[in-house]
Amino acid sequence: TLDNNVMLQIQSSRPLDSTALQTALPWKII
C-alpha cells in the first residue's frame, strides 16, 4: 500500500496471465 493506492506483489514459479488474475480478483486491474 502507498497512501490510498494498492499494488499486489505476486510471487510464483511461473508468470501469471491477466485472465487468471481478473478471474481471481473482484476489483478492476490497472
ModelCIF file with pLDDT and N, C-alpha, C, O atoms, coordinates in Angstrom:
data_MODEL
#
_entry.id   MODEL 
#
_entity.id                         1 
_entity.type                       polymer 
_entity.pdbx_number_of_molecules   1 
#
_entity_poly.entity_id                      1 
_entity_poly.type                           'polypeptide(L)' 
_entity_poly.nstd_linkage                   no 
_entity_poly.nstd_monomer                   no 
_entity_poly.pdbx_seq_one_letter_code       TLDNNVMLQIQSSRPLDSTALQTALPWKII 
_entity_poly.pdbx_seq_one_letter_code_can   TLDNNVMLQIQSSRPLDSTALQTALPWKII 
_entity_poly.pdbx_strand_id                 A 
#
loop_
_entity_poly_seq.entity_id 
_entity_poly_seq.num 
_entity_poly_seq.mon_id 
_entity_poly_seq.hetero 
1 1  THR n 
1 2  LEU n 
1 3  ASP n 
1 4  ASN n 
1 5  ASN n 
1 6  VAL n 
1 7  MET n 
1 8  LEU n 
1 9  GLN n 
1 10 ILE n 
1 11 GLN n 
1 12 SER n 
1 13 SER n 
1 14 ARG n 
1 15 PRO n 
1 16 LEU n 
1 17 ASP n 
1 18 SER n 
1 19 THR n 
1 20 ALA n 
1 21 LEU n 
1 22 GLN n 
1 23 THR n 
1 24 ALA n 
1 25 LEU n 
1 26 PRO n 
1 27 TRP n 
1 28 LYS n 
1 29 ILE n 
1 30 ILE n 
#
_struct_asym.id          A 
_struct_asym.entity_id   1 
#
loop_
_ma_qa_metric.id 
_ma_qa_metric.mode 
_ma_qa_metric.name 
_ma_qa_metric.software_group_id 
_ma_qa_metric.type 
1 global pLDDT . pLDDT 
2 local  pLDDT . pLDDT 
#
_ma_qa_metric_global.metric_id      1 
_ma_qa_metric_global.metric_value   82.63 
_ma_qa_metric_global.model_id       1 
_ma_qa_metric_global.ordinal_id     1 
#
loop_
_ma_qa_metric_local.label_asym_id 
_ma_qa_metric_local.label_comp_id 
_ma_qa_metric_local.label_seq_id 
_ma_qa_metric_local.metric_id 
_ma_qa_metric_local.metric_value 
_ma_qa_metric_local.model_id 
_ma_qa_metric_local.ordinal_id 
A THR 1  2 88.00 1 1  
A LEU 2  2 89.00 1 2  
A ASP 3  2 85.00 1 3  
A ASN 4  2 80.00 1 4  
A ASN 5  2 85.00 1 5  
A VAL 6  2 87.00 1 6  
A MET 7  2 90.00 1 7  
A LEU 8  2 90.00 1 8  
A GLN 9  2 94.00 1 9  
A ILE 10 2 94.00 1 10 
A GLN 11 2 95.00 1 11 
A SER 12 2 93.00 1 12 
A SER 13 2 87.00 1 13 
A ARG 14 2 85.00 1 14 
A PRO 15 2 83.00 1 15 
A LEU 16 2 85.00 1 16 
A ASP 17 2 77.00 1 17 
A SER 18 2 76.00 1 18 
A THR 19 2 80.00 1 19 
A ALA 20 2 79.00 1 20 
A LEU 21 2 80.00 1 21 
A GLN 22 2 78.00 1 22 
A THR 23 2 81.00 1 23 
A ALA 24 2 80.00 1 24 
A LEU 25 2 77.00 1 25 
A PRO 26 2 71.00 1 26 
A TRP 27 2 71.00 1 27 
A LYS 28 2 72.00 1 28 
A ILE 29 2 74.00 1 29 
A ILE 30 2 73.00 1 30 
#
loop_
_atom_site.group_PDB 
_atom_site.id 
_atom_site.type_symbol 
_atom_site.label_atom_id 
_atom_site.label_alt_id 
_atom_site.label_comp_id 
_atom_site.label_asym_id 
_atom_site.label_entity_id 
_atom_site.label_seq_id 
_atom_site.pdbx_PDB_ins_code 
_atom_site.Cartn_x 
_atom_site.Cartn_y 
_atom_site.Cartn_z 
_atom_site.occupancy 
_atom_site.B_iso_or_equiv 
_atom_site.pdbx_formal_charge 
_atom_site.auth_seq_id 
_atom_site.auth_comp_id 
_atom_site.auth_asym_id 
_atom_site.auth_atom_id 
_atom_site.pdbx_PDB_model_num 
ATOM 1   N N  . THR A 1 1  ? 0.839   -1.199  0.000   1.00 88.00 ? 1  THR A N  1 
ATOM 2   C CA . THR A 1 1  ? 0.000   0.000   0.000   1.00 88.00 ? 1  THR A CA 1 
ATOM 3   C C  . THR A 1 1  ? 0.875   1.250   0.000   1.00 88.00 ? 1  THR A C  1 
ATOM 4   O O  . THR A 1 1  ? 1.963   1.273   0.576   1.00 88.00 ? 1  THR A O  1 
ATOM 5   N N  . LEU A 1 2  ? 0.376   2.271   -0.652  1.00 89.00 ? 2  LEU A N  1 
ATOM 6   C CA . LEU A 1 2  ? 1.034   3.574   -0.703  1.00 89.00 ? 2  LEU A CA 1 
ATOM 7   C C  . LEU A 1 2  ? -0.055  4.635   -0.717  1.00 89.00 ? 2  LEU A C  1 
ATOM 8   O O  . LEU A 1 2  ? -0.743  4.827   -1.720  1.00 89.00 ? 2  LEU A O  1 
ATOM 9   N N  . ASP A 1 3  ? -0.201  5.324   0.421   1.00 85.00 ? 3  ASP A N  1 
ATOM 10  C CA . ASP A 1 3  ? -1.311  6.274   0.580   1.00 85.00 ? 3  ASP A CA 1 
ATOM 11  C C  . ASP A 1 3  ? -2.620  5.521   0.338   1.00 85.00 ? 3  ASP A C  1 
ATOM 12  O O  . ASP A 1 3  ? -2.933  4.582   1.071   1.00 85.00 ? 3  ASP A O  1 
ATOM 13  N N  . ASN A 1 4  ? -3.384  5.916   -0.672  1.00 80.00 ? 4  ASN A N  1 
ATOM 14  C CA . ASN A 1 4  ? -4.645  5.230   -0.958  1.00 80.00 ? 4  ASN A CA 1 
ATOM 15  C C  . ASN A 1 4  ? -4.536  4.275   -2.147  1.00 80.00 ? 4  ASN A C  1 
ATOM 16  O O  . ASN A 1 4  ? -5.548  3.852   -2.706  1.00 80.00 ? 4  ASN A O  1 
ATOM 17  N N  . ASN A 1 5  ? -3.316  3.944   -2.523  1.00 85.00 ? 5  ASN A N  1 
ATOM 18  C CA . ASN A 1 5  ? -3.096  3.060   -3.667  1.00 85.00 ? 5  ASN A CA 1 
ATOM 19  C C  . ASN A 1 5  ? -2.667  1.678   -3.191  1.00 85.00 ? 5  ASN A C  1 
ATOM 20  O O  . ASN A 1 5  ? -2.048  1.531   -2.137  1.00 85.00 ? 5  ASN A O  1 
ATOM 21  N N  . VAL A 1 6  ? -3.008  0.674   -3.985  1.00 87.00 ? 6  VAL A N  1 
ATOM 22  C CA . VAL A 1 6  ? -2.687  -0.708  -3.644  1.00 87.00 ? 6  VAL A CA 1 
ATOM 23  C C  . VAL A 1 6  ? -2.002  -1.385  -4.835  1.00 87.00 ? 6  VAL A C  1 
ATOM 24  O O  . VAL A 1 6  ? -2.427  -1.248  -5.982  1.00 87.00 ? 6  VAL A O  1 
ATOM 25  N N  . MET A 1 7  ? -0.941  -2.112  -4.531  1.00 90.00 ? 7  MET A N  1 
ATOM 26  C CA . MET A 1 7  ? -0.280  -2.934  -5.536  1.00 90.00 ? 7  MET A CA 1 
ATOM 27  C C  . MET A 1 7  ? -0.111  -4.337  -4.964  1.00 90.00 ? 7  MET A C  1 
ATOM 28  O O  . MET A 1 7  ? 0.323   -4.495  -3.824  1.00 90.00 ? 7  MET A O  1 
ATOM 29  N N  . LEU A 1 8  ? -0.449  -5.346  -5.745  1.00 90.00 ? 8  LEU A N  1 
ATOM 30  C CA . LEU A 1 8  ? -0.221  -6.727  -5.353  1.00 90.00 ? 8  LEU A CA 1 
ATOM 31  C C  . LEU A 1 8  ? 1.118   -7.184  -5.918  1.00 90.00 ? 8  LEU A C  1 
ATOM 32  O O  . LEU A 1 8  ? 1.386   -7.028  -7.109  1.00 90.00 ? 8  LEU A O  1 
ATOM 33  N N  . GLN A 1 9  ? 1.944   -7.743  -5.065  1.00 94.00 ? 9  GLN A N  1 
ATOM 34  C CA . GLN A 1 9  ? 3.198   -8.364  -5.485  1.00 94.00 ? 9  GLN A CA 1 
ATOM 35  C C  . GLN A 1 9  ? 2.997   -9.875  -5.387  1.00 94.00 ? 9  GLN A C  1 
ATOM 36  O O  . GLN A 1 9  ? 2.953   -10.439 -4.293  1.00 94.00 ? 9  GLN A O  1 
ATOM 37  N N  . ILE A 1 10 ? 2.876   -10.520 -6.552  1.00 94.00 ? 10 ILE A N  1 
ATOM 38  C CA . ILE A 1 10 ? 2.555   -11.944 -6.602  1.00 94.00 ? 10 ILE A CA 1 
ATOM 39  C C  . ILE A 1 10 ? 3.814   -12.716 -6.970  1.00 94.00 ? 10 ILE A C  1 
ATOM 40  O O  . ILE A 1 10 ? 4.384   -12.510 -8.041  1.00 94.00 ? 10 ILE A O  1 
ATOM 41  N N  . GLN A 1 11 ? 4.239   -13.592 -6.096  1.00 95.00 ? 11 GLN A N  1 
ATOM 42  C CA . GLN A 1 11 ? 5.454   -14.384 -6.299  1.00 95.00 ? 11 GLN A CA 1 
ATOM 43  C C  . GLN A 1 11 ? 5.061   -15.825 -6.608  1.00 95.00 ? 11 GLN A C  1 
ATOM 44  O O  . GLN A 1 11 ? 4.316   -16.454 -5.856  1.00 95.00 ? 11 GLN A O  1 
ATOM 45  N N  . SER A 1 12 ? 5.577   -16.339 -7.732  1.00 93.00 ? 12 SER A N  1 
ATOM 46  C CA . SER A 1 12 ? 5.156   -17.659 -8.180  1.00 93.00 ? 12 SER A CA 1 
ATOM 47  C C  . SER A 1 12 ? 6.282   -18.343 -8.931  1.00 93.00 ? 12 SER A C  1 
ATOM 48  O O  . SER A 1 12 ? 7.329   -17.748 -9.185  1.00 93.00 ? 12 SER A O  1 
ATOM 49  N N  . SER A 1 13 ? 6.055   -19.594 -9.280  1.00 87.00 ? 13 SER A N  1 
ATOM 50  C CA . SER A 1 13 ? 7.037   -20.362 -10.039 1.00 87.00 ? 13 SER A CA 1 
ATOM 51  C C  . SER A 1 13 ? 6.846   -20.216 -11.538 1.00 87.00 ? 13 SER A C  1 
ATOM 52  O O  . SER A 1 13 ? 7.566   -20.834 -12.322 1.00 87.00 ? 13 SER A O  1 
ATOM 53  N N  . ARG A 1 14 ? 5.888   -19.408 -11.935 1.00 85.00 ? 14 ARG A N  1 
ATOM 54  C CA . ARG A 1 14 ? 5.628   -19.159 -13.358 1.00 85.00 ? 14 ARG A CA 1 
ATOM 55  C C  . ARG A 1 14 ? 4.950   -17.804 -13.482 1.00 85.00 ? 14 ARG A C  1 
ATOM 56  O O  . ARG A 1 14 ? 4.320   -17.350 -12.528 1.00 85.00 ? 14 ARG A O  1 
ATOM 57  N N  . PRO A 1 15 ? 5.063   -17.139 -14.640 1.00 83.00 ? 15 PRO A N  1 
ATOM 58  C CA . PRO A 1 15 ? 4.349   -15.872 -14.820 1.00 83.00 ? 15 PRO A CA 1 
ATOM 59  C C  . PRO A 1 15 ? 2.849   -16.107 -14.900 1.00 83.00 ? 15 PRO A C  1 
ATOM 60  O O  . PRO A 1 15 ? 2.398   -17.139 -15.396 1.00 83.00 ? 15 PRO A O  1 
ATOM 61  N N  . LEU A 1 16 ? 2.090   -15.156 -14.414 1.00 85.00 ? 16 LEU A N  1 
ATOM 62  C CA . LEU A 1 16 ? 0.627   -15.264 -14.425 1.00 85.00 ? 16 LEU A CA 1 
ATOM 63  C C  . LEU A 1 16 ? 0.043   -14.407 -15.538 1.00 85.00 ? 16 LEU A C  1 
ATOM 64  O O  . LEU A 1 16 ? 0.607   -13.371 -15.888 1.00 85.00 ? 16 LEU A O  1 
ATOM 65  N N  . ASP A 1 17 ? -1.088  -14.836 -16.098 1.00 77.00 ? 17 ASP A N  1 
ATOM 66  C CA . ASP A 1 17 ? -1.728  -14.044 -17.150 1.00 77.00 ? 17 ASP A CA 1 
ATOM 67  C C  . ASP A 1 17 ? -2.866  -13.221 -16.581 1.00 77.00 ? 17 ASP A C  1 
ATOM 68  O O  . ASP A 1 17 ? -3.373  -13.504 -15.496 1.00 77.00 ? 17 ASP A O  1 
ATOM 69  N N  . SER A 1 18 ? -3.258  -12.208 -17.319 1.00 76.00 ? 18 SER A N  1 
ATOM 70  C CA . SER A 1 18 ? -4.258  -11.257 -16.847 1.00 76.00 ? 18 SER A CA 1 
ATOM 71  C C  . SER A 1 18 ? -5.631  -11.895 -16.682 1.00 76.00 ? 18 SER A C  1 
ATOM 72  O O  . SER A 1 18 ? -6.404  -11.486 -15.816 1.00 76.00 ? 18 SER A O  1 
ATOM 73  N N  . THR A 1 19 ? -5.943  -12.901 -17.511 1.00 80.00 ? 19 THR A N  1 
ATOM 74  C CA . THR A 1 19 ? -7.254  -13.550 -17.411 1.00 80.00 ? 19 THR A CA 1 
ATOM 75  C C  . THR A 1 19 ? -7.414  -14.257 -16.072 1.00 80.00 ? 19 THR A C  1 
ATOM 76  O O  . THR A 1 19 ? -8.442  -14.122 -15.408 1.00 80.00 ? 19 THR A O  1 
ATOM 77  N N  . ALA A 1 20 ? -6.394  -15.009 -15.680 1.00 79.00 ? 20 ALA A N  1 
ATOM 78  C CA . ALA A 1 20 ? -6.449  -15.716 -14.404 1.00 79.00 ? 20 ALA A CA 1 
ATOM 79  C C  . ALA A 1 20 ? -6.534  -14.741 -13.248 1.00 79.00 ? 20 ALA A C  1 
ATOM 80  O O  . ALA A 1 20 ? -7.246  -14.982 -12.274 1.00 79.00 ? 20 ALA A O  1 
ATOM 81  N N  . LEU A 1 21 ? -5.807  -13.642 -13.356 1.00 80.00 ? 21 LEU A N  1 
ATOM 82  C CA . LEU A 1 21 ? -5.825  -12.648 -12.286 1.00 80.00 ? 21 LEU A CA 1 
ATOM 83  C C  . LEU A 1 21 ? -7.186  -11.982 -12.178 1.00 80.00 ? 21 LEU A C  1 
ATOM 84  O O  . LEU A 1 21 ? -7.726  -11.831 -11.082 1.00 80.00 ? 21 LEU A O  1 
ATOM 85  N N  . GLN A 1 22 ? -7.734  -11.587 -13.311 1.00 78.00 ? 22 GLN A N  1 
ATOM 86  C CA . GLN A 1 22 ? -9.016  -10.898 -13.279 1.00 78.00 ? 22 GLN A CA 1 
ATOM 87  C C  . GLN A 1 22 ? -10.124 -11.812 -12.770 1.00 78.00 ? 22 GLN A C  1 
ATOM 88  O O  . GLN A 1 22 ? -11.067 -11.354 -12.125 1.00 78.00 ? 22 GLN A O  1 
ATOM 89  N N  . THR A 1 23 ? -10.005 -13.125 -13.066 1.00 81.00 ? 23 THR A N  1 
ATOM 90  C CA . THR A 1 23 ? -10.977 -14.085 -12.554 1.00 81.00 ? 23 THR A CA 1 
ATOM 91  C C  . THR A 1 23 ? -10.882 -14.200 -11.037 1.00 81.00 ? 23 THR A C  1 
ATOM 92  O O  . THR A 1 23 ? -11.900 -14.329 -10.357 1.00 81.00 ? 23 THR A O  1 
ATOM 93  N N  . ALA A 1 24 ? -9.663  -14.153 -10.508 1.00 80.00 ? 24 ALA A N  1 
ATOM 94  C CA . ALA A 1 24 ? -9.461  -14.320 -9.065  1.00 80.00 ? 24 ALA A CA 1 
ATOM 95  C C  . ALA A 1 24 ? -9.762  -13.064 -8.277  1.00 80.00 ? 24 ALA A C  1 
ATOM 96  O O  . ALA A 1 24 ? -10.023 -13.127 -7.076  1.00 80.00 ? 24 ALA A O  1 
ATOM 97  N N  . LEU A 1 25 ? -9.727  -11.906 -8.955  1.00 77.00 ? 25 LEU A N  1 
ATOM 98  C CA . LEU A 1 25 ? -9.891  -10.637 -8.250  1.00 77.00 ? 25 LEU A CA 1 
ATOM 99  C C  . LEU A 1 25 ? -11.243 -10.015 -8.549  1.00 77.00 ? 25 LEU A C  1 
ATOM 100 O O  . LEU A 1 25 ? -11.669 -9.987  -9.704  1.00 77.00 ? 25 LEU A O  1 
ATOM 101 N N  . PRO A 1 26 ? -11.915 -9.521  -7.539  1.00 71.00 ? 26 PRO A N  1 
ATOM 102 C CA . PRO A 1 26 ? -13.193 -8.846  -7.776  1.00 71.00 ? 26 PRO A CA 1 
ATOM 103 C C  . PRO A 1 26 ? -13.027 -7.378  -8.130  1.00 71.00 ? 26 PRO A C  1 
ATOM 104 O O  . PRO A 1 26 ? -14.017 -6.674  -8.332  1.00 71.00 ? 26 PRO A O  1 
ATOM 105 N N  . TRP A 1 27 ? -11.781 -6.906  -8.209  1.00 71.00 ? 27 TRP A N  1 
ATOM 106 C CA . TRP A 1 27 ? -11.546 -5.498  -8.485  1.00 71.00 ? 27 TRP A CA 1 
ATOM 107 C C  . TRP A 1 27 ? -10.906 -5.317  -9.848  1.00 71.00 ? 27 TRP A C  1 
ATOM 108 O O  . TRP A 1 27 ? -10.276 -6.233  -10.377 1.00 71.00 ? 27 TRP A O  1 
ATOM 109 N N  . LYS A 1 28 ? -11.067 -4.160  -10.398 1.00 72.00 ? 28 LYS A N  1 
ATOM 110 C CA . LYS A 1 28 ? -10.505 -3.854  -11.705 1.00 72.00 ? 28 LYS A CA 1 
ATOM 111 C C  . LYS A 1 28 ? -8.991  -3.675  -11.590 1.00 72.00 ? 28 LYS A C  1 
ATOM 112 O O  . LYS A 1 28 ? -8.491  -3.055  -10.652 1.00 72.00 ? 28 LYS A O  1 
ATOM 113 N N  . ILE A 1 29 ? -8.278  -4.234  -12.566 1.00 74.00 ? 29 ILE A N  1 
ATOM 114 C CA . ILE A 1 29 ? -6.828  -4.119  -12.611 1.00 74.00 ? 29 ILE A CA 1 
ATOM 115 C C  . ILE A 1 29 ? -6.456  -2.922  -13.473 1.00 74.00 ? 29 ILE A C  1 
ATOM 116 O O  . ILE A 1 29 ? -7.002  -2.724  -14.558 1.00 74.00 ? 29 ILE A O  1 
ATOM 117 N N  . ILE A 1 30 ? -5.513  -2.125  -12.970 1.00 73.00 ? 30 ILE A N  1 
ATOM 118 C CA . ILE A 1 30 ? -4.975  -1.032  -13.777 1.00 73.00 ? 30 ILE A CA 1 
ATOM 119 C C  . ILE A 1 30 ? -3.899  -1.620  -14.683 1.00 73.00 ? 30 ILE A C  1 
ATOM 120 O O  . ILE A 1 30 ? -3.288  -0.894  -15.467 1.00 73.00 ? 30 ILE A O  1 
#
